[in-house]
Protein backbone atom coordinates (compact mmCIF):
# COMPACT_ATOMS: atom_id res chain seq x y z
CA UNK A 1 23.31 73.41 -102.31
CA UNK A 2 23.23 76.93 -100.87
CA UNK A 3 19.64 77.50 -99.71
CA UNK A 4 19.71 80.96 -98.16
CA UNK A 5 16.18 81.68 -96.97
CA UNK A 6 12.47 81.36 -97.68
CA UNK A 7 11.89 83.63 -100.66
CA UNK A 8 8.10 83.32 -100.60
CA UNK A 9 5.21 81.02 -99.92
CA UNK A 10 2.25 80.49 -102.23
CA UNK A 11 -1.23 79.65 -101.01
CA UNK A 12 -3.68 77.90 -103.29
CA UNK A 13 -7.15 78.98 -102.22
CA UNK A 14 -10.75 78.94 -103.34
CA UNK A 15 -11.21 82.72 -103.00
CA UNK A 16 -8.09 84.85 -103.50
CA UNK A 17 -9.69 88.11 -102.38
CA UNK A 18 -11.00 86.59 -99.16
CA UNK A 19 -7.71 84.87 -98.28
CA UNK A 20 -5.69 87.99 -99.04
CA UNK A 21 -8.05 90.18 -97.03
CA UNK A 22 -7.49 88.01 -93.95
CA UNK A 23 -3.70 88.40 -94.16
CA UNK A 24 -3.95 92.12 -94.86
CA UNK A 25 -6.67 92.99 -92.36
CA UNK A 26 -5.46 90.82 -89.48
CA UNK A 27 -1.67 90.88 -89.85
CA UNK A 28 -0.82 93.98 -91.87
CA UNK A 29 0.24 92.42 -95.16
CA UNK A 30 0.03 94.87 -98.06
CA UNK A 31 -0.94 94.21 -101.71
CA UNK A 32 2.01 94.68 -104.07
CA UNK A 33 0.67 93.31 -107.34
CA UNK A 34 -1.42 90.78 -109.21
CA UNK A 35 -1.37 88.46 -112.19
CA UNK A 36 -3.63 86.22 -114.23
CA UNK A 37 -4.40 85.13 -117.78
CA UNK A 38 -3.62 88.61 -119.12
CA UNK A 39 -0.07 88.45 -117.70
CA UNK A 40 0.67 84.90 -118.80
CA UNK A 41 0.04 83.11 -115.49
CA UNK A 42 -2.65 80.86 -116.92
CA UNK A 43 -6.20 80.27 -115.72
CA UNK A 44 -5.77 81.74 -112.25
CA UNK A 45 -5.81 84.95 -110.27
CA UNK A 46 -2.72 85.62 -108.14
CA UNK A 47 -2.26 88.40 -105.59
CA UNK A 48 1.21 89.38 -104.37
CA UNK A 49 1.35 90.38 -100.69
CA UNK A 50 4.31 91.58 -98.62
CA UNK A 51 5.01 92.29 -94.98
CA UNK A 52 8.59 93.38 -94.29
CA UNK A 53 10.70 90.27 -95.06
CA UNK A 54 7.72 88.01 -95.86
CA UNK A 55 6.29 87.54 -99.35
CA UNK A 56 3.07 85.61 -99.92
CA UNK A 57 1.33 84.75 -103.17
CA UNK A 58 -2.39 83.98 -102.97
CA UNK A 59 -3.62 82.06 -106.01
CA UNK A 60 -7.12 80.91 -106.94
CA UNK A 61 -8.02 78.97 -110.07
CA UNK A 62 -10.38 80.46 -112.60
CA UNK A 63 -12.75 78.24 -114.59
CA UNK A 64 -10.45 76.00 -116.58
CA UNK A 65 -7.42 73.85 -115.83
CA UNK A 66 -4.97 75.14 -113.24
CA UNK A 67 -3.06 73.29 -110.47
CA UNK A 68 -4.64 75.56 -107.82
CA UNK A 69 -8.09 74.16 -108.59
CA UNK A 70 -6.93 70.56 -108.28
CA UNK A 71 -5.06 71.35 -105.07
CA UNK A 72 -8.05 73.04 -103.43
CA UNK A 73 -10.38 70.21 -104.46
CA UNK A 74 -8.03 67.70 -102.84
CA UNK A 75 -6.78 69.63 -99.80
CA UNK A 76 -8.76 72.81 -99.31
CA UNK A 77 -6.94 76.13 -98.93
CA UNK A 78 -3.30 75.66 -98.00
CA UNK A 79 0.39 76.23 -98.67
CA UNK A 80 1.15 74.69 -102.05
CA UNK A 81 4.57 76.18 -102.82
CA UNK A 82 7.52 77.13 -100.62
CA UNK A 83 9.98 79.34 -102.49
CA UNK A 84 13.63 78.78 -101.56
CA UNK A 85 16.16 81.54 -102.20
CA UNK A 86 19.33 80.22 -103.88
CA UNK A 87 22.25 81.67 -105.84
CA UNK A 88 21.37 79.84 -109.06
CA UNK A 89 17.90 78.30 -109.38
CA UNK A 90 18.78 76.33 -112.52
CA UNK A 91 21.85 74.77 -110.89
CA UNK A 92 19.96 74.03 -107.67
CA UNK A 93 17.19 72.36 -109.66
CA UNK A 94 19.67 70.16 -111.54
CA UNK A 95 21.49 69.22 -108.36
CA UNK A 96 18.26 68.38 -106.53
CA UNK A 97 17.02 66.18 -109.40
CA UNK A 98 20.37 64.39 -109.55
CA UNK A 99 20.01 63.69 -105.83
CA UNK A 100 16.57 62.16 -106.28
CA UNK A 101 14.07 65.04 -106.21
CA UNK A 102 11.00 64.76 -108.44
CA UNK A 103 10.98 67.67 -110.94
CA UNK A 104 7.70 69.54 -111.33
CA UNK A 105 8.47 72.80 -113.19
CA UNK A 106 11.65 73.19 -115.27
CA UNK A 107 13.80 76.34 -114.98
CA UNK A 108 12.15 79.52 -116.27
CA UNK A 109 13.98 82.87 -116.52
CA UNK A 110 12.05 86.15 -116.46
CA UNK A 111 13.16 89.73 -117.03
CA UNK A 112 16.12 91.43 -118.69
CA UNK A 113 19.76 90.64 -118.04
CA UNK A 114 20.92 92.20 -114.79
CA UNK A 115 17.45 91.98 -113.29
CA UNK A 116 16.62 88.41 -114.25
CA UNK A 117 14.60 86.18 -111.92
CA UNK A 118 14.72 82.39 -112.33
CA UNK A 119 12.26 79.84 -110.94
CA UNK A 120 12.45 76.03 -110.98
CA UNK A 121 10.45 73.58 -108.86
CA UNK A 122 10.73 70.10 -107.39
CA UNK A 123 8.39 68.14 -105.15
CA UNK A 124 8.93 68.57 -101.43
CA UNK A 125 6.32 66.60 -99.46
CA UNK A 126 2.78 65.56 -100.33
CA UNK A 127 1.64 67.90 -103.10
CA UNK A 128 3.78 70.80 -101.86
CA UNK A 129 6.50 72.04 -104.20
CA UNK A 130 9.81 73.72 -103.41
CA UNK A 131 10.42 76.52 -105.91
CA UNK A 132 14.10 77.39 -106.23
CA UNK A 133 14.32 81.15 -106.77
CA UNK A 134 17.33 83.25 -107.76
CA UNK A 135 17.46 86.97 -108.45
CA UNK A 136 20.28 88.79 -110.21
CA UNK A 137 19.55 92.05 -108.40
CA UNK A 138 18.24 92.78 -104.93
CA UNK A 139 14.94 94.59 -104.99
CA UNK A 140 14.04 93.17 -108.40
CA UNK A 141 10.43 92.65 -109.39
CA UNK A 142 9.00 89.42 -108.00
CA UNK A 143 8.19 87.82 -111.37
CA UNK A 144 8.83 90.25 -114.23
CA UNK A 145 6.11 90.01 -116.85
CA UNK A 146 3.94 87.57 -114.89
CA UNK A 147 3.07 89.70 -111.85
CA UNK A 148 2.02 93.28 -112.50
CA UNK A 149 3.37 95.15 -109.48
CA UNK A 150 1.86 98.33 -108.08
CA UNK A 151 2.88 100.87 -105.50
CA UNK A 152 1.65 99.59 -102.11
CA UNK A 153 -0.42 101.68 -99.76
CA UNK A 154 1.53 103.23 -96.85
CA UNK A 155 2.25 100.51 -94.28
CA UNK A 156 2.87 100.58 -90.56
CA UNK A 157 6.17 99.46 -89.02
CA UNK A 158 5.11 95.83 -89.37
CA UNK A 159 4.35 93.13 -86.85
CA UNK A 160 6.70 90.42 -88.15
CA UNK A 161 10.26 90.10 -89.45
CA UNK A 162 10.31 86.90 -91.48
CA UNK A 163 9.09 83.28 -91.60
CA UNK A 164 10.62 81.52 -88.58
CA UNK A 165 9.63 77.97 -89.48
CA UNK A 166 7.00 75.86 -91.21
CA UNK A 167 5.34 72.88 -89.50
CA UNK A 168 4.46 69.90 -91.68
CA UNK A 169 2.15 66.99 -90.84
CA UNK A 170 3.15 63.64 -92.37
CA UNK A 171 1.35 60.29 -92.45
CA UNK A 172 2.54 57.75 -89.87
CA UNK A 173 5.72 56.00 -90.90
CA UNK A 174 6.98 58.78 -93.20
CA UNK A 175 8.92 60.93 -90.72
CA UNK A 176 12.33 59.28 -90.99
CA UNK A 177 12.14 59.07 -94.78
CA UNK A 178 11.25 62.79 -94.96
CA UNK A 179 14.23 63.69 -92.78
CA UNK A 180 16.55 61.66 -95.02
CA UNK A 181 15.03 63.33 -98.09
CA UNK A 182 15.87 66.80 -96.78
CA UNK A 183 19.34 65.72 -95.75
CA UNK A 184 20.23 63.95 -98.99
CA UNK A 185 18.47 66.17 -101.54
CA UNK A 186 18.55 69.65 -100.00
CA UNK A 187 21.56 69.42 -97.68
CA UNK A 188 19.54 70.12 -94.52
CA UNK A 189 20.63 68.88 -91.08
CA UNK A 190 18.43 67.44 -88.36
CA UNK A 191 18.65 69.81 -85.39
CA UNK A 192 16.00 68.65 -82.91
CA UNK A 193 13.60 65.81 -82.16
CA UNK A 194 11.05 64.97 -79.52
CA UNK A 195 8.04 62.88 -78.68
CA UNK A 196 4.91 64.51 -77.31
CA UNK A 197 2.39 62.49 -75.30
CA UNK A 198 -0.96 64.03 -74.36
CA UNK A 199 -3.28 61.64 -72.56
CA UNK A 200 -3.70 58.58 -74.77
CA UNK A 201 -2.43 60.38 -77.90
CA UNK A 202 1.16 60.87 -79.06
CA UNK A 203 3.17 62.36 -81.91
CA UNK A 204 6.81 62.39 -82.95
CA UNK A 205 8.59 65.34 -84.51
CA UNK A 206 11.99 66.10 -85.99
CA UNK A 207 13.33 69.45 -87.14
CA UNK A 208 15.44 69.91 -90.28
CA UNK A 209 17.25 73.12 -91.12
CA UNK A 210 19.25 74.52 -94.03
CA UNK A 211 22.97 75.20 -93.64
CA UNK A 212 22.14 78.94 -93.53
CA UNK A 213 19.80 78.23 -90.57
CA UNK A 214 17.22 80.45 -92.26
CA UNK A 215 14.92 77.66 -93.53
CA UNK A 216 13.44 75.40 -90.87
CA UNK A 217 10.83 72.67 -91.21
CA UNK A 218 9.26 70.94 -88.21
CA UNK A 219 8.16 67.51 -89.47
CA UNK A 220 5.44 65.75 -87.45
CA UNK A 221 3.87 62.29 -87.64
CA UNK A 222 1.18 60.71 -85.42
CA UNK A 223 1.70 57.58 -83.35
CA UNK A 224 -1.06 55.33 -84.68
CA UNK A 225 -0.54 52.77 -81.92
CA UNK A 226 -2.32 55.23 -79.62
CA UNK A 227 -5.65 57.03 -79.84
CA UNK A 228 -6.31 59.20 -82.89
CA UNK A 229 -5.63 62.89 -82.33
CA UNK A 230 -5.19 66.23 -84.05
CA UNK A 231 -2.40 65.14 -86.41
CA UNK A 232 -4.57 62.27 -87.63
CA UNK A 233 -7.45 64.72 -87.98
CA UNK A 234 -5.31 67.11 -90.03
CA UNK A 235 -4.14 64.33 -92.36
CA UNK A 236 -7.68 63.10 -92.85
CA UNK A 237 -9.16 66.56 -93.46
CA UNK A 238 -6.27 67.72 -95.63
CA UNK A 239 -6.05 64.53 -97.62
CA UNK A 240 -2.44 63.66 -96.81
CA UNK A 241 0.77 65.46 -95.93
CA UNK A 242 0.69 69.24 -95.78
CA UNK A 243 1.61 72.43 -93.97
CA UNK A 244 -0.06 72.61 -90.57
CA UNK A 245 1.15 76.09 -89.69
CA UNK A 246 3.47 78.90 -90.74
CA UNK A 247 5.32 80.70 -87.94
CA UNK A 248 6.00 84.43 -88.25
CA UNK A 249 8.93 85.82 -86.26
CA UNK A 250 8.13 88.95 -84.24
CA UNK A 251 10.31 91.12 -82.00
CA UNK A 252 7.39 92.24 -79.81
CA UNK A 253 4.78 89.53 -79.44
CA UNK A 254 2.56 91.40 -77.00
CA UNK A 255 2.21 94.31 -79.44
CA UNK A 256 1.70 91.90 -82.34
CA UNK A 257 -1.02 89.94 -80.52
CA UNK A 258 -2.86 93.04 -79.35
CA UNK A 259 -2.74 94.59 -82.81
CA UNK A 260 -3.76 91.42 -84.66
CA UNK A 261 -6.56 90.77 -82.15
CA UNK A 262 -7.87 94.31 -82.61
CA UNK A 263 -7.84 93.65 -86.36
CA UNK A 264 -9.92 90.51 -85.99
CA UNK A 265 -7.43 87.65 -85.64
CA UNK A 266 -8.53 84.88 -83.26
CA UNK A 267 -6.00 82.99 -81.18
CA UNK A 268 -6.17 79.70 -79.31
CA UNK A 269 -6.89 80.06 -75.61
CA UNK A 270 -4.71 78.73 -72.77
CA UNK A 271 -6.03 77.43 -69.42
CA UNK A 272 -5.45 79.90 -66.57
CA UNK A 273 -3.63 77.19 -64.59
CA UNK A 274 -0.84 77.23 -67.20
CA UNK A 275 0.31 80.60 -65.83
CA UNK A 276 0.08 79.78 -62.11
CA UNK A 277 3.56 78.25 -61.97
CA UNK A 278 5.00 79.73 -65.17
CA UNK A 279 7.75 81.70 -63.44
CA UNK A 280 8.80 78.64 -61.44
CA UNK A 281 9.02 76.61 -64.66
CA UNK A 282 10.80 79.02 -66.99
CA UNK A 283 11.97 82.00 -64.93
CA UNK A 284 11.86 85.58 -66.18
CA UNK A 285 11.03 85.72 -69.91
CA UNK A 286 11.02 89.50 -70.21
CA UNK A 287 7.25 89.95 -70.15
CA UNK A 288 4.90 90.21 -67.14
CA UNK A 289 2.99 87.01 -66.45
CA UNK A 290 -0.34 88.91 -66.10
CA UNK A 291 0.16 90.22 -69.65
CA UNK A 292 0.95 86.76 -70.99
CA UNK A 293 -2.15 85.41 -69.19
CA UNK A 294 -4.34 88.18 -70.60
CA UNK A 295 -3.17 87.54 -74.15
CA UNK A 296 -2.92 83.70 -73.94
CA UNK A 297 0.77 83.81 -74.88
CA UNK A 298 2.84 80.70 -74.13
CA UNK A 299 6.36 80.94 -72.68
CA UNK A 300 9.18 78.42 -72.61
CA UNK A 301 12.94 78.20 -72.46
CA UNK A 302 15.82 76.16 -73.83
CA UNK A 303 19.54 76.24 -73.07
CA UNK A 304 19.99 79.37 -75.22
CA UNK A 305 17.20 81.54 -73.85
CA UNK A 306 13.46 82.13 -73.73
CA UNK A 307 10.71 82.20 -76.32
CA UNK A 308 7.13 83.43 -76.44
CA UNK A 309 4.55 81.87 -78.78
CA UNK A 310 0.89 81.94 -79.70
CA UNK A 311 -1.19 80.19 -82.38
CA UNK A 312 -4.22 81.37 -84.31
CA UNK A 313 -7.37 79.37 -84.75
CA UNK A 314 -7.76 77.87 -88.19
CA UNK A 315 -10.26 79.77 -90.31
CA UNK A 316 -10.64 77.01 -92.85
CA UNK A 317 -13.70 74.77 -93.09
CA UNK A 318 -11.41 71.73 -92.85
CA UNK A 319 -9.68 73.23 -89.77
CA UNK A 320 -6.24 72.72 -91.28
CA UNK A 321 -3.81 75.61 -91.90
CA UNK A 322 -3.22 78.14 -89.12
CA UNK A 323 -0.48 80.59 -88.12
CA UNK A 324 1.96 81.03 -85.25
CA UNK A 325 3.57 84.16 -83.83
CA UNK A 326 6.93 83.53 -82.18
CA UNK A 327 9.21 85.91 -80.28
CA UNK A 328 12.66 84.43 -79.78
CA UNK A 329 14.58 85.85 -76.84
CA UNK A 330 17.65 83.74 -77.35
CA UNK A 331 15.90 80.37 -77.69
CA UNK A 332 16.75 78.36 -80.78
CA UNK A 333 14.38 75.38 -80.45
CA UNK A 334 10.59 75.23 -80.19
CA UNK A 335 9.64 74.78 -76.56
CA UNK A 336 8.74 71.23 -75.62
CA UNK A 337 6.19 72.39 -73.06
CA UNK A 338 4.65 74.78 -75.57
CA UNK A 339 4.27 72.09 -78.21
CA UNK A 340 2.34 70.05 -75.69
CA UNK A 341 0.29 73.12 -74.78
CA UNK A 342 -0.46 73.72 -78.46
CA UNK A 343 -1.51 70.10 -78.91
CA UNK A 344 -3.88 70.41 -75.96
CA UNK A 345 -5.26 73.76 -77.17
CA UNK A 346 -6.02 72.40 -80.63
CA UNK A 347 -7.70 69.37 -79.05
CA UNK A 348 -9.91 71.68 -76.97
CA UNK A 349 -10.81 73.66 -80.08
CA UNK A 350 -11.59 70.46 -82.01
CA UNK A 351 -13.82 69.23 -79.19
CA UNK A 352 -15.64 72.57 -79.02
CA UNK A 353 -16.19 72.69 -82.77
CA UNK A 354 -17.35 69.09 -82.98
CA UNK A 355 -19.82 69.41 -80.11
CA UNK A 356 -23.50 69.90 -81.01
CA UNK A 357 -24.04 73.65 -81.34
CA UNK A 358 -20.31 74.23 -80.84
CA UNK A 359 -18.33 77.11 -82.28
CA UNK A 360 -16.74 76.63 -85.67
CA UNK A 361 -13.26 77.77 -86.67
CA UNK A 362 -14.25 78.02 -90.29
């Protein structure tokens, strides 16, 4: 199965305008179209957003039956669909089902010959679907006939290039089965694994990646033999497995963080002590340590090079989905020290929000 890249992600949300405004105002996404009952999408309102190589659909249910309403009732706002770019969506769907995938939406072709777009979906993890997507022509409309596209407003150069990876929280005991599922059904390979221990809490993670190396999922499960922590909290608040964060790849993280911050994005803070021995730990990462300290950017290194990362606070009442900005300077993994730093930062934010009179990330 030739899975080339992430074609799009679709968020199911309570308020489409509000969710879209956050992505547009904070990160520079631009509206490119919309759809709803009048375009044949059913009882929902969908907004099409783009930012360079990233396409996001934001969908909210209208009064009446629509999967977005059920999803939001069960999980709150979150990633419900991950679109996978393939050569032939119908063939990929058939192959995946033959390999054991659960079908959710049969193949559907849209548009005229030569510009046809085909969608077909199977279950990925939890209630999240993988939507195989094939397009006969580059630059074709996203969903001819279902999404009414419009000329976008003039955009800046863009802060991000593409989706770098998607992090998924799984209930305890499901990690190995999920890895096998991606290997056997989608042809992914496991590329990385690690165990993170923070105080009396711990989690295990494994990374699976498509043969193209353009689709990467970081799969995480909590260690329930230790104290409950943020992964347990996510699973409880979200109501099962789901996307914890989406990572956007940037070529200039300091510019991206400054710009997004000026636009209203809020990022997790990092203790000042983290930077005191940063150069001794990771060497030169191509950015001044005082700048990284000022902006709360994390730095790490693997055998291939350095990486810079930062994570937003979650804006959701359930404190679930958030976003990552990552600047890869040769590094191909995810920074073991940074994963621990993220874990600790989220724990600090949870403690602050849960304290009487504490700040909320909603």
